[in-house]
Amino acid sequence: MRYLALCCDYDGTIAHHGVVDEATLAALERVRQSGRRLLLVTGRELPDLKTALPRLDLFDKVVAENGALLYTPATDEERPLADEPSQPLIELLRERGVAPLSVGRSIVATWRPHDVAVLQAIQELGLELQVIFNKGAVMILPAGVNKASGLVAALDEIGLSARNAVGIGDAENDHAFLALCECSVAVANALPSLKEKADLVTTGDHGAGVAELIDELVGDDLRRRSAGLSRRLVPFADAADGHALAVDPGRSCVLIAGTSGSGKSTVAKGLLERIAAHGYSFAVIDPEGDYEGLEAAVTLGHPQRAVGADEAMQLFKRGENAVLNLLGMRLHDRPAFFLELLPRLAAQRAQTGHPHWIFIDEVHHLFPAASQQSLESVLPQRLPAAVLVTVHPDLVAEAALRWVDTVVVVGEQPAENLRQLARATGRPLALDDEDAAIERGEILFWRPDDGAGPMRARPHPTRTEHRRHTRKYVEGELPPDRCFYFRGPQDKLNLRAQNLLMFMEMADGVGDEVWEHHFRRGDVSRWIATGIKDDTLAEEVRRIEALADVNPQRARSLLRAAIERRYTLSA
């Protein structure tokens, strides 16, 4: 489920003339039976609300006094969220004949036309208070306290995010909490200004409108309404014709494909930045250390210490963003680790919504095409709100590719990458290489199930430049096809250097004959260009290789100095 909580206003929404009818109560029961949480968000004071609605036990939390008081029906516990009312203000209003005047734990309330007298009294006393209107009601509260602030506290207590909440209301004081919710709904009898801002408007009024929403929420988690929920879409690129391209934060599974050095990591990080900016939590599965130090995220694991599934789950339970660096884990152990972690992530999402997005970098390492048969029975049928990053789609198991509904291709041979996905998933694609040609900095964007073909686009600029993560190349373990192999002139050796540190240690120990064999053939610069993916360093090494009179010891010294100017090697 995407929507784990329903947050309801009371008067004018679930209640008509202050009373909740039996049909509406039955609908609220269905929400509880679906496994979702119910929250009541009201301007009423708690004693009055208990008298009006004996069935407060239906709700997990009650936000009363327009956000100033939090009540837990199951334990009868009250938690003030604001300061007590100003006694001088209360006395002054009574002196001036403001009646009726209701005083709660924090709220002071009256009715129009006393709003003028209220504002004058606040000004005369020099108080930092705000006046909130609810149709004819006039509510006085501390600055910054409203239904949204109260709802944040309530959701935090039950471990949920507003990104997994649906809110429904009818009046002026509902604007703030509806804007906070992932999906905002106005009942048919709501004020025009609220209807204009809401994502959805019900056909029925009052409780009938709430029951209408509940039927759709329980029936299909509002999937049929997703086309109209554009407020939360995450834009990340502009098509060649100028219109914005966006991903659905609750449904999309995005595949980003491109060769090394093509910019796919930059595109992925740009999308990740925008997802985080929209308030969604994320988990990044990082086999090669490319996301270490990511802003607003905790990184677990490093080359000397493998990340543990239990410690990762503790972070996700708290709704924190996390990067799981797998460099400390042996290559062949990584797929099994993630297959163990994935169902736990799914269960956590079902309970709390976190992490909202799952990023899987180098997905072909975790779900390789060669393991398709074994993965078929263990991978879920769907993985919504996910991003998969790979070099080529045909390296990824079909069971994972079937999740994909949005494709982003960068770099060389974009048409071939799209054809690979189309073949693997049985989706039709008519595309020639000329139509798919893209310039540097562009992407091909395709939604296979929309019926339209791929389109050229330019991703929005990323805030942070993609930088080299030195620990990965210096101390980590590169994949076998990106390692350097010392074989010697007779091809008698097979010594594998899986990182720069190991390469320099081996270079010092293999002997001059083996060193000269690789050095003079340009093997070192070739490896740095293709294995380390550092064209700048590779060019510097080519210049060293071209020196005719340099001896092996001097060559090694020059090479180490060149590497250390860009990376820090351990002593």
Protein backbone atom coordinates (compact mmCIF):
# COMPACT_ATOMS: atom_id res chain seq x y z
CA MET A 1 0.00 0.00 0.00
CA ARG A 2 1.14 3.52 -0.76
CA TYR A 3 -1.40 5.19 1.52
CA LEU A 4 -1.11 3.91 5.07
CA ALA A 5 -3.10 6.56 6.93
CA LEU A 6 -6.38 8.47 6.48
CA CYS A 7 -6.52 11.84 8.25
CA CYS A 8 -10.03 13.30 8.63
CA ASP A 9 -11.43 16.63 9.70
CA TYR A 10 -14.50 16.42 11.94
CA ASP A 11 -17.12 19.17 11.50
CA GLY A 12 -18.34 19.41 7.92
CA THR A 13 -16.36 16.35 6.88
CA ILE A 14 -17.10 13.11 8.77
CA ALA A 15 -19.75 14.95 10.80
CA HIS A 16 -22.90 16.73 9.57
CA HIS A 17 -24.37 19.20 12.07
CA GLY A 18 -21.92 17.79 14.62
CA VAL A 19 -23.01 14.14 14.26
CA VAL A 20 -21.30 11.21 12.53
CA ASP A 21 -23.88 8.84 11.03
CA GLU A 22 -23.72 5.04 11.14
CA ALA A 23 -22.77 4.68 7.46
CA THR A 24 -19.73 6.90 7.97
CA LEU A 25 -18.72 5.01 11.14
CA ALA A 26 -18.95 1.75 9.19
CA ALA A 27 -16.72 3.21 6.47
CA LEU A 28 -14.16 4.27 9.08
CA GLU A 29 -14.21 0.72 10.43
CA ARG A 30 -13.29 -0.54 6.95
CA VAL A 31 -10.18 1.64 6.99
CA ARG A 32 -9.04 -0.01 10.23
CA GLN A 33 -9.80 -3.46 8.85
CA SER A 34 -7.62 -2.75 5.78
CA GLY A 35 -4.58 -2.35 8.03
CA ARG A 36 -4.41 1.43 7.66
CA ARG A 37 -4.24 3.97 10.46
CA LEU A 38 -6.97 6.52 11.21
CA LEU A 39 -6.30 10.02 12.52
CA LEU A 40 -8.83 12.72 13.44
CA VAL A 41 -7.71 16.33 12.93
CA THR A 42 -10.11 18.86 14.41
CA GLY A 43 -10.44 22.36 15.82
CA ARG A 44 -12.71 21.12 18.61
CA GLU A 45 -11.63 20.94 22.24
CA LEU A 46 -11.28 17.42 23.58
CA PRO A 47 -14.13 17.33 26.19
CA ASP A 48 -16.58 18.63 23.59
CA LEU A 49 -15.32 16.11 21.04
CA LYS A 50 -15.70 13.18 23.45
CA THR A 51 -19.31 14.14 24.00
CA ALA A 52 -20.03 14.55 20.28
CA LEU A 53 -18.27 11.36 19.14
CA PRO A 54 -18.33 8.40 21.56
CA ARG A 55 -16.42 6.28 18.97
CA LEU A 56 -13.05 8.00 19.32
CA ASP A 57 -11.67 4.49 19.79
CA LEU A 58 -11.77 4.17 15.98
CA PHE A 59 -8.83 6.57 15.74
CA ASP A 60 -5.16 5.89 16.46
CA LYS A 61 -4.55 9.56 17.20
CA VAL A 62 -6.68 12.68 17.62
CA VAL A 63 -5.23 16.10 16.84
CA ALA A 64 -7.50 18.49 18.76
CA GLU A 65 -7.60 22.25 19.31
CA ASN A 66 -6.50 22.87 15.72
CA GLY A 67 -3.10 21.29 16.29
CA ALA A 68 -2.42 22.30 19.91
CA LEU A 69 -3.31 19.00 21.62
CA LEU A 70 -2.54 15.37 20.77
CA TYR A 71 -4.76 12.66 22.21
CA THR A 72 -4.34 8.87 22.12
CA PRO A 73 -7.76 7.17 22.58
CA ALA A 74 -6.29 3.72 23.35
CA THR A 75 -4.51 5.03 26.46
CA ASP A 76 -6.57 8.19 27.16
CA GLU A 77 -3.27 10.11 27.13
CA GLU A 78 -3.19 13.82 26.34
CA ARG A 79 -0.06 15.60 25.10
CA PRO A 80 -0.09 19.41 24.81
CA LEU A 81 1.72 20.64 21.69
CA ALA A 82 1.57 24.36 22.55
CA ASP A 83 1.69 26.76 25.50
CA GLU A 84 -1.28 27.45 27.73
CA PRO A 85 -3.57 30.37 26.75
CA SER A 86 -2.69 33.90 27.78
CA GLN A 87 -4.65 34.79 30.92
CA PRO A 88 -4.40 38.56 30.30
CA LEU A 89 -5.91 38.00 26.84
CA ILE A 90 -8.77 35.92 28.24
CA GLU A 91 -9.53 38.53 30.89
CA LEU A 92 -9.44 41.39 28.36
CA LEU A 93 -11.78 39.60 25.95
CA ARG A 94 -14.26 38.87 28.74
CA GLU A 95 -14.11 42.49 29.90
CA ARG A 96 -15.03 43.56 26.38
CA GLY A 97 -18.03 41.26 26.22
CA VAL A 98 -16.62 38.70 23.76
CA ALA A 99 -19.04 35.78 24.09
CA PRO A 100 -19.25 32.91 23.67
CA LEU A 101 -15.59 32.46 24.64
CA SER A 102 -14.18 28.96 24.94
CA VAL A 103 -10.81 28.24 26.58
CA GLY A 104 -9.01 24.95 26.01
CA ARG A 105 -5.57 23.58 26.92
CA SER A 106 -4.05 26.06 24.46
CA ILE A 107 -6.79 27.34 22.18
CA VAL A 108 -9.07 30.29 22.81
CA ALA A 109 -12.13 30.34 20.52
CA THR A 110 -15.10 32.52 19.74
CA TRP A 111 -17.25 33.39 16.73
CA ARG A 112 -17.56 36.18 14.22
CA PRO A 113 -18.00 39.13 14.39
CA HIS A 114 -15.69 39.12 17.44
CA ASP A 115 -12.63 38.65 15.21
CA VAL A 116 -12.06 42.43 15.18
CA ALA A 117 -12.08 42.62 18.99
CA VAL A 118 -9.75 39.61 19.17
CA LEU A 119 -7.18 41.16 16.80
CA GLN A 120 -7.30 44.48 18.69
CA ALA A 121 -6.71 42.75 22.04
CA ILE A 122 -3.77 40.74 20.71
CA GLN A 123 -2.22 43.91 19.32
CA GLU A 124 -2.74 45.90 22.54
CA LEU A 125 -1.13 43.15 24.65
CA GLY A 126 1.76 42.68 22.21
CA LEU A 127 1.24 38.90 22.00
CA GLU A 128 2.71 36.59 19.37
CA LEU A 129 -0.51 34.81 18.54
CA GLN A 130 -2.35 33.95 15.34
CA VAL A 131 -6.02 33.98 14.47
CA ILE A 132 -7.34 31.08 12.38
CA PHE A 133 -10.81 31.01 10.83
CA ASN A 134 -13.04 28.00 10.36
CA LYS A 135 -16.11 29.26 8.55
CA GLY A 136 -17.77 31.25 11.36
CA ALA A 137 -15.41 30.15 14.13
CA VAL A 138 -12.49 32.31 15.29
CA MET A 139 -9.58 30.44 16.89
CA ILE A 140 -6.61 32.00 18.72
CA LEU A 141 -3.41 29.93 18.90
CA PRO A 142 0.34 30.40 19.39
CA ALA A 143 2.19 31.30 16.20
CA GLY A 144 3.11 28.27 14.10
CA VAL A 145 0.47 25.97 15.59
CA ASN A 146 -2.07 24.59 13.14
CA LYS A 147 -3.53 21.31 12.00
CA ALA A 148 -0.41 20.55 9.96
CA SER A 149 1.97 20.94 12.91
CA GLY A 150 -0.28 18.76 15.04
CA LEU A 151 -0.55 16.11 12.34
CA VAL A 152 3.26 15.97 12.00
CA ALA A 153 3.49 15.17 15.72
CA ALA A 154 0.75 12.53 15.46
CA LEU A 155 2.30 10.79 12.48
CA ASP A 156 5.70 10.84 14.15
CA GLU A 157 4.29 9.05 17.19
CA ILE A 158 2.93 6.19 15.07
CA GLY A 159 6.05 6.04 12.88
CA LEU A 160 4.48 7.21 9.63
CA SER A 161 5.27 9.95 7.14
CA ALA A 162 2.93 12.48 5.57
CA ARG A 163 4.12 11.03 2.26
CA ASN A 164 1.91 7.99 3.05
CA ALA A 165 -1.15 9.92 4.25
CA VAL A 166 -4.46 10.92 2.66
CA GLY A 167 -6.22 13.93 4.16
CA ILE A 168 -9.83 15.00 3.77
CA GLY A 169 -11.50 18.23 4.91
CA ASP A 170 -13.92 21.04 4.12
CA ALA A 171 -12.89 24.44 5.53
CA GLU A 172 -10.24 27.19 5.77
CA ASN A 173 -8.36 25.63 8.69
CA ASP A 174 -7.91 22.42 6.71
CA HIS A 175 -5.64 23.99 4.08
CA ALA A 176 -2.44 23.42 6.05
CA PHE A 177 -2.89 19.74 6.90
CA LEU A 178 -4.25 18.86 3.45
CA ALA A 179 -1.21 20.48 1.83
CA LEU A 180 0.99 18.36 4.09
CA CYS A 181 -0.65 15.06 3.09
CA GLU A 182 0.50 13.12 0.04
CA CYS A 183 -3.05 13.16 -1.33
CA SER A 184 -5.52 15.91 -0.39
CA VAL A 185 -9.28 15.48 -0.75
CA ALA A 186 -12.14 17.94 -0.35
CA VAL A 187 -15.70 16.78 0.29
CA ALA A 188 -18.37 18.10 -2.07
CA ASN A 189 -19.62 20.61 0.51
CA ALA A 190 -16.12 22.12 1.03
CA LEU A 191 -15.32 25.78 0.47
CA PRO A 192 -14.47 26.61 -3.16
CA SER A 193 -10.93 27.67 -2.15
CA LEU A 194 -10.29 24.24 -0.62
CA LYS A 195 -11.71 22.40 -3.64
CA GLU A 196 -9.44 24.40 -5.90
CA LYS A 197 -6.33 23.33 -3.99
CA ALA A 198 -7.31 19.70 -3.34
CA ASP A 199 -6.04 16.81 -5.47
CA LEU A 200 -9.49 15.19 -5.49
CA VAL A 201 -13.06 16.31 -4.79
CA THR A 202 -15.69 13.77 -3.78
CA THR A 203 -19.12 13.53 -5.38
CA GLY A 204 -20.83 13.06 -2.03
CA ASP A 205 -20.94 15.61 0.77
CA HIS A 206 -19.97 15.22 4.42
CA GLY A 207 -19.81 11.56 5.57
CA ALA A 208 -21.02 10.23 2.22
CA GLY A 209 -18.02 11.86 0.56
CA VAL A 210 -15.68 10.34 3.16
CA ALA A 211 -17.21 6.89 2.60
CA GLU A 212 -16.75 7.37 -1.15
CA LEU A 213 -13.06 8.08 -0.64
CA ILE A 214 -12.67 5.13 1.71
CA ASP A 215 -14.19 2.74 -0.84
CA GLU A 216 -11.56 3.79 -3.39
CA LEU A 217 -8.73 3.80 -0.83
CA VAL A 218 -9.51 0.28 0.39
CA GLY A 219 -10.40 -0.95 -3.10
CA ASP A 220 -7.25 -0.10 -5.04
CA ASP A 221 -5.15 2.30 -2.93
CA LEU A 222 -6.36 5.15 -5.21
CA ARG A 223 -4.54 3.68 -8.23
CA ARG A 224 -7.35 4.67 -10.61
CA ARG A 225 -6.95 8.24 -9.40
CA SER A 226 -3.16 8.36 -9.92
CA ALA A 227 -3.41 10.22 -13.25
CA GLY A 228 -4.99 13.17 -11.46
CA LEU A 229 -2.48 13.27 -8.59
CA SER A 230 0.07 15.46 -10.34
CA ARG A 231 1.00 17.61 -7.33
CA ARG A 232 3.48 15.03 -6.03
CA LEU A 233 5.10 14.03 -9.34
CA VAL A 234 8.88 14.47 -9.27
CA PRO A 235 10.07 16.35 -12.40
CA PHE A 236 13.65 15.65 -13.39
CA ALA A 237 14.04 16.33 -17.14
CA ASP A 238 12.73 18.52 -19.95
CA ALA A 239 11.72 16.90 -23.24
CA ALA A 240 12.95 18.31 -26.54
CA ASP A 241 9.51 19.87 -27.10
CA GLY A 242 9.76 21.70 -23.76
CA HIS A 243 7.35 19.78 -21.55
CA ALA A 244 8.51 18.46 -18.18
CA LEU A 245 9.10 14.74 -17.64
CA ALA A 246 8.40 13.38 -14.18
CA VAL A 247 8.24 10.14 -12.22
CA ASP A 248 5.38 9.01 -10.00
CA PRO A 249 6.81 8.80 -6.47
CA GLY A 250 4.48 6.02 -5.43
CA ARG A 251 4.40 3.82 -8.52
CA SER A 252 7.37 4.28 -10.90
CA CYS A 253 10.19 1.80 -11.32
CA VAL A 254 12.93 3.55 -13.30
CA LEU A 255 15.76 1.84 -15.19
CA ILE A 256 18.81 4.04 -15.91
CA ALA A 257 21.16 2.40 -18.42
CA GLY A 258 24.45 3.55 -19.92
CA THR A 259 28.07 2.56 -20.31
CA SER A 260 30.69 3.58 -17.73
CA GLY A 261 31.55 7.25 -18.02
CA SER A 262 28.30 8.03 -19.88
CA GLY A 263 26.82 10.08 -17.03
CA LYS A 264 24.31 7.55 -15.71
CA SER A 265 25.51 8.08 -12.12
CA THR A 266 25.00 11.82 -12.51
CA VAL A 267 21.46 11.27 -13.83
CA ALA A 268 20.73 8.83 -10.99
CA LYS A 269 22.03 11.23 -8.35
CA GLY A 270 20.06 14.09 -9.86
CA LEU A 271 16.87 12.04 -9.60
CA LEU A 272 17.79 11.05 -6.05
CA GLU A 273 18.30 14.70 -5.09
CA ARG A 274 14.84 15.62 -6.35
CA ILE A 275 13.18 12.69 -4.64
CA ALA A 276 14.79 13.69 -1.33
CA ALA A 277 13.82 17.36 -1.88
CA HIS A 278 10.17 16.26 -2.16
CA GLY A 279 10.37 14.69 1.32
CA TYR A 280 10.75 11.01 0.40
CA SER A 281 13.12 8.74 2.29
CA PHE A 282 15.47 6.45 0.35
CA ALA A 283 17.76 3.45 0.57
CA VAL A 284 20.71 3.21 -1.82
CA ILE A 285 22.26 -0.19 -2.47
CA ASP A 286 25.79 0.77 -3.48
CA PRO A 287 27.99 -2.14 -4.61
CA GLU A 288 30.94 0.02 -5.69
CA GLY A 289 31.02 2.94 -3.23
CA ASP A 290 29.74 5.52 -5.72
CA TYR A 291 27.27 7.11 -3.25
CA GLU A 292 29.50 7.42 -0.21
CA GLY A 293 29.14 10.81 1.48
CA LEU A 294 25.75 11.47 -0.13
CA GLU A 295 24.09 14.54 1.34
CA ALA A 296 21.31 13.90 3.90
CA ALA A 297 22.09 10.18 4.18
CA VAL A 298 23.87 7.87 6.60
CA THR A 299 26.42 5.55 4.99
CA LEU A 300 26.78 2.05 6.40
CA GLY A 301 29.70 -0.21 5.46
CA HIS A 302 33.15 0.49 3.98
CA PRO A 303 35.92 -1.57 2.35
CA GLN A 304 37.14 -2.90 5.73
CA ARG A 305 33.70 -3.60 7.19
CA ALA A 306 30.71 -5.26 5.57
CA VAL A 307 27.30 -3.73 6.22
CA GLY A 308 24.83 -5.82 8.23
CA ALA A 309 21.17 -6.23 7.35
CA ASP A 310 20.03 -5.70 10.96
CA GLU A 311 21.78 -2.36 11.38
CA ALA A 312 20.42 -1.20 8.03
CA MET A 313 16.86 -2.06 9.06
CA GLN A 314 17.22 -0.05 12.26
CA LEU A 315 17.87 3.07 10.17
CA PHE A 316 14.92 2.39 7.87
CA LYS A 317 12.59 1.91 10.84
CA ARG A 318 13.45 5.44 11.93
CA GLY A 319 12.75 6.78 8.43
CA GLU A 320 16.37 7.80 7.85
CA ASN A 321 18.02 7.91 4.44
CA ALA A 322 20.75 5.31 4.13
CA VAL A 323 23.48 4.26 1.71
CA LEU A 324 24.53 0.64 2.04
CA ASN A 325 28.15 0.45 0.82
CA LEU A 326 28.88 -3.16 -0.17
CA LEU A 327 32.61 -2.75 -0.87
CA GLY A 328 33.48 -4.65 2.31
CA MET A 329 31.51 -7.65 1.08
CA ARG A 330 32.86 -10.24 -1.32
CA LEU A 331 31.40 -10.00 -4.81
CA HIS A 332 29.73 -13.40 -4.73
CA ASP A 333 28.14 -12.66 -1.32
CA ARG A 334 26.35 -9.49 -2.46
CA PRO A 335 23.39 -11.03 -4.34
CA ALA A 336 22.52 -13.29 -1.39
CA PHE A 337 22.77 -10.35 1.03
CA PHE A 338 20.33 -8.28 -1.00
CA LEU A 339 17.93 -11.18 -1.56
CA GLU A 340 17.78 -11.49 2.23
CA LEU A 341 17.35 -7.73 2.67
CA LEU A 342 14.69 -7.13 -0.02
CA PRO A 343 11.73 -8.89 1.68
CA ARG A 344 12.59 -7.12 4.92
CA LEU A 345 12.55 -3.79 3.09
CA ALA A 346 9.18 -4.69 1.57
CA ALA A 347 7.76 -5.58 4.99
CA GLN A 348 9.09 -2.33 6.46
CA ARG A 349 7.53 -0.36 3.61
CA ALA A 350 4.17 -2.05 4.20
CA GLN A 351 4.28 -1.11 7.88
CA THR A 352 5.71 2.42 7.84
CA GLY A 353 6.19 3.42 4.18
CA HIS A 354 9.98 3.73 4.70
CA PRO A 355 12.13 3.72 2.71
CA HIS A 356 9.90 5.41 0.14
CA TRP A 357 12.42 4.76 -2.66
CA ILE A 358 14.94 1.97 -3.23
CA PHE A 359 17.96 2.75 -5.44
CA ILE A 360 19.93 -0.24 -6.70
CA ASP A 361 23.18 0.72 -8.38
CA GLU A 362 24.95 -1.82 -10.61
CA VAL A 363 21.80 -3.93 -10.46
CA HIS A 364 23.37 -6.50 -12.81
CA HIS A 365 25.70 -7.47 -9.95
CA LEU A 366 22.78 -8.26 -7.64
CA PHE A 367 20.30 -9.66 -10.16
CA PRO A 368 22.45 -11.01 -13.02
CA ALA A 369 20.81 -12.36 -16.14
CA ALA A 370 22.67 -15.65 -15.61
CA SER A 371 20.63 -16.19 -12.42
CA GLN A 372 17.24 -15.63 -14.05
CA GLN A 373 15.94 -19.13 -13.34
CA SER A 374 16.75 -19.02 -9.63
CA LEU A 375 15.53 -15.42 -9.24
CA GLU A 376 12.18 -16.03 -10.95
CA SER A 377 10.66 -17.61 -7.85
CA VAL A 378 12.13 -15.29 -5.22
CA LEU A 379 11.80 -11.76 -6.63
CA PRO A 380 8.50 -9.92 -6.09
CA GLN A 381 6.16 -9.33 -9.01
CA ARG A 382 6.38 -5.54 -8.54
CA LEU A 383 8.90 -3.15 -7.02
CA PRO A 384 7.32 0.33 -7.09
CA ALA A 385 9.22 3.51 -6.25
CA ALA A 386 12.56 2.06 -7.28
CA VAL A 387 15.52 3.00 -9.48
CA LEU A 388 17.72 0.38 -11.11
CA VAL A 389 21.07 1.46 -12.57
CA THR A 390 23.02 -0.74 -15.00
CA VAL A 391 25.43 -0.77 -17.92
CA HIS A 392 23.23 -2.81 -20.28
CA PRO A 393 19.72 -4.19 -19.67
CA ASP A 394 20.63 -7.61 -21.12
CA LEU A 395 22.96 -8.12 -18.13
CA VAL A 396 19.97 -7.93 -15.75
CA ALA A 397 17.61 -10.80 -14.94
CA GLU A 398 14.25 -10.56 -16.74
CA ALA A 399 12.48 -10.99 -13.40
CA ALA A 400 13.84 -7.59 -12.34
CA LEU A 401 13.38 -5.90 -15.73
CA ARG A 402 9.67 -6.68 -15.61
CA TRP A 403 9.34 -4.18 -12.76
CA VAL A 404 10.40 -1.33 -15.04
CA ASP A 405 7.82 1.16 -16.34
CA THR A 406 10.18 4.08 -17.07
CA VAL A 407 13.49 3.87 -18.94
CA VAL A 408 16.27 6.46 -19.07
CA VAL A 409 19.19 5.76 -21.43
CA VAL A 410 22.43 7.77 -21.61
CA GLY A 411 25.71 7.55 -23.49
CA GLU A 412 26.57 5.55 -26.58
CA GLN A 413 24.25 3.09 -28.36
CA PRO A 414 21.02 4.25 -26.67
CA ALA A 415 18.87 2.46 -29.24
CA GLU A 416 20.54 -0.87 -28.48
CA ASN A 417 19.92 -0.48 -24.75
CA LEU A 418 16.24 0.17 -25.41
CA ARG A 419 16.02 -2.84 -27.73
CA GLN A 420 17.57 -5.04 -25.06
CA LEU A 421 14.90 -4.05 -22.55
CA ALA A 422 12.12 -4.46 -25.15
CA ARG A 423 13.33 -7.95 -26.06
CA ALA A 424 13.71 -9.07 -22.47
CA THR A 425 10.23 -7.93 -21.43
CA GLY A 426 8.31 -8.55 -24.66
CA ARG A 427 7.41 -4.91 -25.21
CA PRO A 428 7.06 -3.62 -28.78
CA LEU A 429 9.60 -1.01 -29.89
CA ALA A 430 10.04 0.48 -33.36
CA LEU A 431 13.23 2.51 -33.29
CA ASP A 432 16.23 3.04 -35.54
CA ASP A 433 19.66 4.28 -34.51
CA GLU A 434 19.24 7.65 -36.22
CA ASP A 435 16.01 8.48 -34.38
CA ALA A 436 17.61 7.48 -31.08
CA ALA A 437 20.77 9.56 -31.49
CA ILE A 438 21.37 11.85 -28.52
CA GLU A 439 23.91 14.54 -27.81
CA ARG A 440 26.18 14.69 -24.77
CA GLY A 441 24.14 15.72 -21.74
CA GLU A 442 20.90 14.34 -23.21
CA ILE A 443 18.91 11.23 -22.34
CA LEU A 444 16.36 9.02 -24.06
CA PHE A 445 13.21 8.78 -21.94
CA TRP A 446 10.71 5.97 -22.57
CA ARG A 447 7.58 4.74 -20.85
CA PRO A 448 7.01 1.39 -22.58
CA ASP A 449 3.43 0.97 -21.41
CA ASP A 450 2.20 4.40 -22.55
CA GLY A 451 2.16 3.54 -26.24
CA ALA A 452 4.41 6.47 -27.19
CA GLY A 453 7.97 6.04 -28.42
CA PRO A 454 11.18 7.16 -26.71
CA MET A 455 11.85 10.90 -26.58
CA ARG A 456 14.98 12.98 -26.29
CA ALA A 457 15.28 15.03 -23.11
CA ARG A 458 17.76 16.93 -21.01
CA PRO A 459 17.88 16.13 -17.28
CA HIS A 460 17.69 18.98 -14.81
CA PRO A 461 21.10 20.00 -13.47
CA THR A 462 22.27 18.19 -10.35
CA ARG A 463 23.25 20.23 -7.31
CA THR A 464 26.37 18.20 -6.64
CA GLU A 465 28.88 17.15 -9.26
CA HIS A 466 29.56 13.45 -9.59
CA ARG A 467 32.95 13.02 -7.94
CA ARG A 468 35.38 10.15 -7.81
CA HIS A 469 35.16 8.15 -4.63
CA THR A 470 38.80 7.36 -3.96
CA ARG A 471 38.24 4.62 -1.41
CA LYS A 472 36.50 2.46 -4.02
CA TYR A 473 39.46 2.60 -6.43
CA VAL A 474 42.22 2.66 -3.83
CA GLU A 475 41.08 0.00 -1.36
CA GLY A 476 37.88 -1.55 -2.71
CA GLU A 477 37.38 -4.63 -4.84
CA LEU A 478 36.75 -3.93 -8.50
CA PRO A 479 34.81 -6.52 -10.52
CA PRO A 480 37.05 -9.14 -12.20
CA ASP A 481 36.59 -7.62 -15.67
CA ARG A 482 37.94 -4.28 -14.38
CA CYS A 483 40.97 -5.60 -12.50
CA PHE A 484 44.59 -5.50 -13.71
CA TYR A 485 46.29 -8.85 -14.37
CA PHE A 486 50.08 -9.23 -14.26
CA ARG A 487 50.78 -12.09 -16.69
CA GLY A 488 54.35 -11.41 -17.87
CA PRO A 489 55.98 -11.87 -21.31
CA GLN A 490 55.39 -15.65 -21.45
CA ASP A 491 51.88 -15.40 -19.97
CA LYS A 492 52.98 -17.59 -17.06
CA LEU A 493 51.51 -15.42 -14.30
CA ASN A 494 47.93 -14.53 -13.39
CA LEU A 495 48.23 -12.04 -10.54
CA ARG A 496 45.10 -9.98 -10.07
CA ALA A 497 45.19 -6.41 -8.73
CA GLN A 498 41.65 -5.44 -7.73
CA ASN A 499 42.46 -1.81 -6.82
CA LEU A 500 45.16 0.84 -7.14
CA LEU A 501 46.82 0.01 -3.82
CA MET A 502 47.14 -3.66 -4.74
CA PHE A 503 48.37 -2.70 -8.22
CA MET A 504 51.25 -0.59 -6.84
CA GLU A 505 52.20 -3.26 -4.29
CA MET A 506 52.32 -5.91 -7.01
CA ALA A 507 54.16 -3.59 -9.40
CA ASP A 508 56.94 -3.28 -6.82
CA GLY A 509 57.17 -7.04 -6.37
CA VAL A 510 56.74 -8.68 -9.79
CA GLY A 511 60.24 -7.95 -11.05
CA ASP A 512 61.54 -5.70 -13.79
CA GLU A 513 60.92 -8.12 -16.67
CA VAL A 514 57.21 -8.48 -15.92
CA TRP A 515 56.87 -4.77 -15.18
CA GLU A 516 58.57 -3.71 -18.40
CA HIS A 517 56.41 -6.11 -20.43
CA HIS A 518 53.17 -4.40 -19.33
CA PHE A 519 54.56 -0.88 -19.04
CA ARG A 520 56.01 -0.73 -22.58
CA ARG A 521 52.84 -2.17 -24.15
CA GLY A 522 50.69 0.58 -22.60
CA ASP A 523 48.77 -1.91 -20.45
CA VAL A 524 48.85 0.37 -17.40
CA SER A 525 47.31 3.45 -19.02
CA ARG A 526 44.79 1.22 -20.82
CA TRP A 527 43.69 -0.29 -17.50
CA ILE A 528 43.37 3.09 -15.80
CA ALA A 529 41.19 4.30 -18.68
CA THR A 530 38.92 1.24 -18.87
CA GLY A 531 39.10 -0.25 -15.36
CA ILE A 532 39.46 2.83 -13.17
CA LYS A 533 37.56 5.03 -15.66
CA ASP A 534 39.90 7.98 -15.14
CA ASP A 535 40.80 9.45 -18.52
CA THR A 536 42.82 12.30 -17.00
CA LEU A 537 45.12 9.97 -15.08
CA ALA A 538 45.30 7.59 -18.04
CA GLU A 539 46.62 10.40 -20.26
CA GLU A 540 49.30 11.29 -17.70
CA VAL A 541 50.38 7.64 -17.49
CA ARG A 542 50.58 7.44 -21.31
CA ARG A 543 53.10 10.27 -21.21
CA ILE A 544 55.17 8.35 -18.66
CA GLU A 545 54.97 5.19 -20.80
CA ALA A 546 56.25 7.19 -23.76
CA LEU A 547 59.49 8.13 -21.99
CA ALA A 548 62.21 6.19 -23.82
CA ASP A 549 65.04 6.40 -21.29
CA VAL A 550 63.17 5.81 -18.01
CA ASN A 551 64.24 2.70 -16.04
CA PRO A 552 61.72 0.42 -14.25
CA GLN A 553 62.38 1.88 -10.79
CA ARG A 554 61.95 5.43 -12.02
CA ALA A 555 58.82 4.49 -14.00
CA ARG A 556 57.22 3.01 -10.90
CA SER A 557 58.11 6.13 -8.91
CA LEU A 558 56.60 8.46 -11.54
CA LEU A 559 53.49 6.34 -11.75
CA ARG A 560 52.99 6.33 -7.96
CA ALA A 561 53.40 10.11 -7.85
CA ALA A 562 50.82 10.56 -10.63
CA ILE A 563 48.32 8.33 -8.85
CA GLU A 564 48.84 10.05 -5.48
CA ARG A 565 48.16 13.44 -7.02
CA ARG A 566 44.60 12.24 -7.71
CA TYR A 567 44.14 9.62 -5.01
CA THR A 568 45.47 8.97 -1.52
CA LEU A 569 47.26 5.63 -1.26
CA SER A 570 47.68 3.99 2.13
CA ALA A 571 51.22 3.83 3.44
